[in-house]
Amino acid sequence: ATTAPRIPSTRLALHHFDTTYSLHLRELWPSVRVGLLCEQKYGALLNNFSAPEDVIQELELLNATDFVSEALQKAQQSQRGATVREAVRGTQEGSVEGRTVIQAETSPPLPFRASISSKIRCYTFPRGDITRFHPARPDTLGLLGYYLMDAASLLPVLALDVHPDDLVLDLCAAPGGKTLALLQTGLCVSGGHLAANDISISRTKRLHQILHNYVPKEVRESVSVTSYDGRDWKDEEGGTFHKVLVDVPCTTDRHSAMEEDNNIFHKRRTKERQMLPMLQLQLLMAGILAAKPGGEVVYSTCSLSPLQNECVIE
């Protein structure tokens, strides 16, 4: 008897994505598919605990720019444009509502309010520029100047809008990029507290290493690192946190399409993959129960799957 050749996990993943995402994304899928299969471009998360001004100068000489501040500037310009359009519309309606027109023309625009921490800075190269960042060098204290990560991974942290005096839980924290980004806000420096949890002890070791390489001892000692099952967090510290980040395990689409190692589309992991939405829902519920009344929870994945995103939330 002959054994049928094993189909690579990456091919199984891509077939699954072609079948499901083409229905969900329709005409967008071909371009998204190309992006998924392209070499990953990293951003450089600036480490405020190192010597940021020197590092900024180094990165700008490479023609890299901070996409966070650029996004903030674009949002401010967009709001100013909306204010002007509203004033023009009010002027055109002046014959009907003259009093409203006067108010629109003489009232100053409302100050722009964006839930984006100006302390989080991440440098990227322009679109089409495939330059790679060099590994970060340690400063005189041994701390590295920037952390290389997928820039999109910062979006959940920015959405959480962390303030320095917040009590924050990173429920599925390893390997630690988002935890490091949370600390860039000043959390644990002038008050506040960060609890970083991950069920995997081996991945938690990686988190400890990142904290050691990027964060001063007095700050990292104020970060609580644990290895609980996140689904049981309510039994540990329920109703405690102002902000909770629930960045759940998922199909990790780019990895699944590109790498055989630890690929969740391996046939031995079929049941694990099928159970992901249930695990994600349980983790989200635990995150909600960990938050104080009126607290905020951000749920995120690195998957395009509606079953792992919208369906879990709904």
Protein backbone atom coordinates (compact mmCIF):
# COMPACT_ATOMS: atom_id res chain seq x y z
CA ALA A 1 0.00 0.00 0.00
CA THR A 2 1.17 3.51 -0.72
CA THR A 3 0.64 6.53 1.47
CA ALA A 4 -0.80 9.62 -0.15
CA PRO A 5 1.67 12.51 -0.10
CA ARG A 6 1.05 14.97 2.72
CA ILE A 7 -0.35 18.27 1.52
CA PRO A 8 1.68 21.16 2.97
CA SER A 9 -0.11 23.11 5.69
CA THR A 10 0.57 26.36 3.83
CA ARG A 11 -1.28 25.05 0.77
CA LEU A 12 -4.22 23.94 2.93
CA ALA A 13 -4.30 27.38 4.53
CA LEU A 14 -4.22 29.21 1.21
CA HIS A 15 -6.95 26.99 -0.22
CA HIS A 16 -9.10 27.74 2.83
CA PHE A 17 -8.48 31.47 2.46
CA ASP A 18 -9.27 31.39 -1.28
CA THR A 19 -12.52 29.59 -0.56
CA THR A 20 -13.74 31.75 2.31
CA TYR A 21 -12.14 35.18 1.97
CA SER A 22 -12.98 35.49 -1.72
CA LEU A 23 -16.66 35.32 -0.74
CA HIS A 24 -16.21 37.81 2.09
CA LEU A 25 -13.88 40.33 0.41
CA ARG A 26 -15.05 39.78 -3.19
CA GLU A 27 -13.10 41.96 -5.65
CA LEU A 28 -10.68 43.04 -2.91
CA TRP A 29 -9.44 39.51 -2.28
CA PRO A 30 -6.87 39.27 -5.15
CA SER A 31 -4.95 42.32 -3.91
CA VAL A 32 -5.28 41.23 -0.27
CA ARG A 33 -4.00 37.78 -1.26
CA VAL A 34 -0.92 39.33 -2.86
CA GLY A 35 -0.25 41.32 0.30
CA LEU A 36 -0.66 38.20 2.43
CA LEU A 37 1.96 36.36 0.38
CA CYS A 38 4.46 39.22 0.16
CA GLU A 39 7.44 39.44 2.46
CA GLN A 40 6.45 41.01 5.74
CA LYS A 41 7.51 44.62 6.30
CA TYR A 42 8.31 45.60 9.85
CA GLY A 43 7.89 48.88 11.67
CA ALA A 44 10.28 50.14 14.32
CA LEU A 45 8.45 50.85 17.61
CA LEU A 46 10.47 53.59 19.29
CA ASN A 47 11.56 52.72 22.83
CA ASN A 48 11.01 55.80 25.01
CA PHE A 49 13.06 54.21 27.79
CA SER A 50 16.21 54.35 25.66
CA ALA A 51 17.59 57.50 23.97
CA PRO A 52 14.64 58.31 21.68
CA GLU A 53 15.94 61.55 20.14
CA ASP A 54 19.13 59.88 18.93
CA VAL A 55 17.16 56.94 17.56
CA ILE A 56 14.66 59.25 15.82
CA GLN A 57 17.49 61.04 14.05
CA GLU A 58 18.95 57.69 12.96
CA LEU A 59 15.60 56.45 11.61
CA GLU A 60 14.76 59.69 9.81
CA LEU A 61 18.12 59.58 8.04
CA LEU A 62 16.93 56.25 6.60
CA ASN A 63 13.81 58.05 5.22
CA ALA A 64 11.53 56.31 7.72
CA THR A 65 8.58 58.25 9.16
CA ASP A 66 6.35 57.88 12.21
CA PHE A 67 3.05 56.55 10.88
CA VAL A 68 1.24 57.28 14.18
CA SER A 69 1.91 61.03 14.10
CA GLU A 70 1.15 61.08 10.37
CA ALA A 71 -2.24 59.47 11.04
CA LEU A 72 -2.96 62.03 13.75
CA GLN A 73 -2.10 64.90 11.40
CA LYS A 74 -4.34 63.48 8.67
CA ALA A 75 -7.20 63.11 11.14
CA GLN A 76 -6.77 66.74 12.25
CA GLN A 77 -6.74 67.93 8.62
CA SER A 78 -9.84 65.87 7.91
CA GLN A 79 -11.66 67.44 10.85
CA ARG A 80 -10.68 70.95 9.77
CA GLY A 81 -11.96 70.14 6.29
CA ALA A 82 -15.24 68.91 7.75
CA THR A 83 -15.55 72.12 9.80
CA VAL A 84 -15.07 74.26 6.68
CA ARG A 85 -17.61 72.21 4.72
CA GLU A 86 -20.12 72.59 7.55
CA ALA A 87 -19.58 76.36 7.62
CA VAL A 88 -20.07 76.59 3.82
CA ARG A 89 -23.22 74.49 4.03
CA GLY A 90 -24.53 76.75 6.79
CA THR A 91 -23.82 79.84 4.67
CA GLN A 92 -25.75 78.37 1.75
CA GLU A 93 -28.71 77.79 4.07
CA GLY A 94 -28.47 81.34 5.46
CA SER A 95 -31.72 82.58 3.94
CA VAL A 96 -33.58 80.00 6.00
CA GLU A 97 -31.58 79.86 9.18
CA GLY A 98 -29.58 83.08 9.40
CA ARG A 99 -28.97 82.71 13.12
CA THR A 100 -27.37 79.30 12.61
CA VAL A 101 -25.12 80.76 9.92
CA ILE A 102 -23.75 83.42 12.23
CA GLN A 103 -22.93 80.83 14.84
CA ALA A 104 -21.23 78.53 12.32
CA GLU A 105 -19.13 81.39 10.94
CA THR A 106 -18.09 82.96 14.24
CA SER A 107 -17.75 79.97 16.56
CA PRO A 108 -14.22 78.53 16.68
CA PRO A 109 -13.92 74.88 15.63
CA LEU A 110 -14.01 72.35 18.40
CA PRO A 111 -10.55 71.15 19.49
CA PHE A 112 -9.53 67.89 17.85
CA ARG A 113 -9.76 64.90 20.15
CA ALA A 114 -8.21 61.66 19.02
CA SER A 115 -7.68 58.51 21.03
CA ILE A 116 -4.08 58.25 19.89
CA SER A 117 -1.22 58.48 22.38
CA SER A 118 1.43 60.88 21.11
CA LYS A 119 3.97 58.91 23.16
CA ILE A 120 3.65 55.84 20.91
CA ARG A 121 5.83 56.27 17.83
CA CYS A 122 6.44 53.67 15.15
CA TYR A 123 8.62 54.32 12.12
CA THR A 124 7.97 52.69 8.75
CA PHE A 125 9.40 53.02 5.26
CA PRO A 126 7.23 54.47 2.46
CA ARG A 127 5.00 52.16 0.45
CA GLY A 128 7.07 50.40 -2.17
CA ASP A 129 10.31 50.83 -0.22
CA ILE A 130 11.53 47.35 0.74
CA THR A 131 14.42 48.58 2.91
CA ARG A 132 14.82 46.61 6.12
CA PHE A 133 15.61 48.06 9.52
CA HIS A 134 18.89 47.02 11.06
CA PRO A 135 18.73 45.25 14.45
CA ALA A 136 18.49 47.84 17.24
CA ARG A 137 21.63 48.65 19.18
CA PRO A 138 21.77 48.91 22.99
CA ASP A 139 22.34 52.28 24.65
CA THR A 140 24.69 52.96 27.55
CA LEU A 141 22.24 51.26 29.94
CA GLY A 142 21.90 48.22 27.68
CA LEU A 143 18.38 49.06 26.50
CA LEU A 144 17.54 48.62 22.81
CA GLY A 145 16.37 51.70 20.89
CA TYR A 146 13.46 50.19 18.96
CA TYR A 147 11.46 46.99 18.63
CA LEU A 148 10.70 45.52 15.20
CA MET A 149 7.07 44.46 14.77
CA ASP A 150 4.26 44.47 12.24
CA ALA A 151 3.05 48.07 12.39
CA ALA A 152 -0.59 46.93 12.18
CA SER A 153 -0.09 45.18 15.53
CA LEU A 154 -0.03 48.63 17.13
CA LEU A 155 -3.61 49.42 16.12
CA PRO A 156 -5.26 47.59 19.06
CA VAL A 157 -2.94 49.39 21.50
CA LEU A 158 -3.76 52.77 19.95
CA ALA A 159 -7.47 51.94 20.07
CA LEU A 160 -7.23 51.17 23.80
CA ASP A 161 -6.19 54.80 24.47
CA VAL A 162 -4.17 54.06 27.60
CA HIS A 163 -3.43 56.83 30.09
CA PRO A 164 -0.46 56.72 32.50
CA ASP A 165 -2.65 56.21 35.60
CA ASP A 166 -4.80 53.39 34.14
CA LEU A 167 -4.96 49.85 35.47
CA VAL A 168 -4.42 47.75 32.32
CA LEU A 169 -4.65 44.03 31.57
CA ASP A 170 -3.01 42.44 28.52
CA LEU A 171 -4.80 39.11 28.69
CA CYS A 172 -2.87 37.23 25.96
CA ALA A 173 0.37 39.15 26.12
CA ALA A 174 3.16 36.98 24.67
CA PRO A 175 5.42 37.36 22.83
CA GLY A 176 5.31 40.94 24.13
CA GLY A 177 5.23 43.55 21.34
CA LYS A 178 1.88 44.98 22.41
CA THR A 179 2.91 44.86 26.08
CA LEU A 180 5.99 46.92 25.23
CA ALA A 181 3.84 49.35 23.24
CA LEU A 182 1.47 49.76 26.22
CA LEU A 183 4.44 50.71 28.40
CA GLN A 184 5.48 53.45 25.94
CA THR A 185 2.43 55.47 27.08
CA GLY A 186 4.05 56.13 30.48
CA LEU A 187 2.09 53.37 32.17
CA CYS A 188 3.90 52.11 35.31
CA VAL A 189 6.17 55.20 35.29
CA SER A 190 3.98 57.82 36.97
CA GLY A 191 1.28 55.58 38.39
CA GLY A 192 -0.97 53.00 36.83
CA HIS A 193 -0.33 49.28 36.58
CA LEU A 194 0.06 46.69 33.83
CA ALA A 195 -0.77 43.00 34.20
CA ALA A 196 0.63 40.91 31.32
CA ASN A 197 -0.69 37.37 31.12
CA ASP A 198 -0.23 34.45 28.74
CA ILE A 199 -1.14 30.80 29.22
CA SER A 200 2.07 29.59 27.56
CA ILE A 201 5.01 29.44 29.96
CA SER A 202 7.52 29.25 27.10
CA ARG A 203 6.02 32.33 25.43
CA THR A 204 5.95 34.11 28.79
CA LYS A 205 9.73 33.59 28.98
CA ARG A 206 9.99 35.43 25.68
CA LEU A 207 7.90 38.26 27.20
CA HIS A 208 10.28 38.47 30.17
CA GLN A 209 13.21 38.71 27.75
CA ILE A 210 11.64 41.59 25.84
CA LEU A 211 10.97 43.49 29.06
CA HIS A 212 14.57 42.91 30.12
CA ASN A 213 15.94 44.18 26.78
CA TYR A 214 13.77 47.30 26.53
CA VAL A 215 12.48 48.39 29.94
CA PRO A 216 14.41 49.70 32.98
CA LYS A 217 14.45 47.44 36.02
CA GLU A 218 12.38 49.77 38.21
CA VAL A 219 9.60 49.85 35.59
CA ARG A 220 9.57 46.16 34.60
CA GLU A 221 9.44 45.16 38.28
CA SER A 222 6.08 46.96 38.50
CA VAL A 223 4.66 44.85 35.64
CA SER A 224 2.85 41.72 36.79
CA VAL A 225 3.66 38.82 34.44
CA THR A 226 1.55 35.68 34.92
CA SER A 227 0.76 32.42 33.10
CA TYR A 228 -2.90 31.83 33.91
CA ASP A 229 -5.48 30.44 31.54
CA GLY A 230 -7.00 33.72 30.40
CA ARG A 231 -10.48 32.19 30.42
CA ASP A 232 -10.26 31.96 34.21
CA TRP A 233 -9.07 35.51 34.80
CA LYS A 234 -12.36 36.55 36.40
CA ASP A 235 -11.51 34.16 39.24
CA GLU A 236 -8.20 35.99 39.77
CA GLU A 237 -8.96 39.72 39.50
CA GLY A 238 -12.47 40.31 38.18
CA GLY A 239 -13.82 43.85 37.79
CA THR A 240 -10.39 45.43 38.37
CA PHE A 241 -9.10 47.13 35.21
CA HIS A 242 -9.83 50.39 33.41
CA LYS A 243 -8.56 48.99 30.08
CA VAL A 244 -8.29 45.38 28.86
CA LEU A 245 -6.59 44.17 25.68
CA VAL A 246 -7.81 40.79 24.42
CA ASP A 247 -5.49 39.92 21.51
CA VAL A 248 -6.61 36.34 21.07
CA PRO A 249 -4.97 33.26 19.51
CA CYS A 250 -6.15 32.94 15.92
CA THR A 251 -5.30 31.38 12.56
CA THR A 252 -2.50 33.98 12.15
CA ASP A 253 -3.21 34.21 8.43
CA ARG A 254 0.15 35.43 7.13
CA HIS A 255 2.08 32.82 9.13
CA SER A 256 -0.32 30.08 8.06
CA ALA A 257 0.07 31.00 4.39
CA MET A 258 3.86 31.30 4.52
CA GLU A 259 5.35 29.01 7.20
CA GLU A 260 5.10 25.27 7.80
CA ASP A 261 6.46 25.49 11.35
CA ASN A 262 3.76 25.59 14.04
CA ASN A 263 1.05 25.94 11.38
CA ILE A 264 -2.48 25.63 12.74
CA PHE A 265 -3.64 24.23 9.37
CA HIS A 266 -1.62 21.06 9.97
CA LYS A 267 -4.03 18.12 9.83
CA ARG A 268 -3.20 17.16 13.43
CA ARG A 269 -4.49 20.58 14.54
CA THR A 270 -7.82 20.54 12.69
CA LYS A 271 -9.95 20.30 15.83
CA GLU A 272 -7.92 23.01 17.56
CA ARG A 273 -8.50 25.31 14.60
CA GLN A 274 -12.22 24.56 14.50
CA MET A 275 -12.53 25.39 18.20
CA LEU A 276 -10.79 28.77 17.88
CA PRO A 277 -13.99 30.90 17.75
CA MET A 278 -15.22 29.31 20.99
CA LEU A 279 -11.86 29.92 22.69
CA GLN A 280 -11.86 33.50 21.43
CA LEU A 281 -15.38 34.10 22.75
CA GLN A 282 -14.42 32.71 26.16
CA LEU A 283 -11.35 34.94 26.32
CA LEU A 284 -13.38 37.99 25.30
CA MET A 285 -15.96 37.28 28.00
CA ALA A 286 -13.16 36.90 30.56
CA GLY A 287 -11.72 40.24 29.43
CA ILE A 288 -15.10 41.95 29.81
CA LEU A 289 -15.52 40.52 33.31
CA ALA A 290 -11.99 41.67 34.22
CA ALA A 291 -12.89 45.30 33.41
CA LYS A 292 -14.33 47.75 35.91
CA PRO A 293 -17.87 49.00 35.28
CA GLY A 294 -17.44 51.63 32.56
CA GLY A 295 -14.05 50.21 31.57
CA GLU A 296 -12.95 49.60 27.99
CA VAL A 297 -12.09 46.34 26.22
CA VAL A 298 -10.38 46.00 22.83
CA TYR A 299 -10.63 42.66 21.04
CA SER A 300 -8.19 41.91 18.21
CA THR A 301 -6.89 39.12 15.98
CA CYS A 302 -4.37 38.85 13.14
CA SER A 303 -6.90 37.06 10.95
CA LEU A 304 -9.31 38.21 8.23
CA SER A 305 -11.86 35.57 9.21
CA PRO A 306 -15.34 36.94 10.04
CA LEU A 307 -15.88 33.88 12.24
CA GLN A 308 -12.98 34.99 14.41
CA ASN A 309 -13.84 38.69 14.37
CA GLU A 310 -17.39 39.99 13.79
CA CYS A 311 -19.07 36.72 14.77
CA VAL A 312 -17.23 36.57 18.09
CA ILE A 313 -18.20 40.14 18.94
CA GLU A 314 -21.80 39.70 17.86
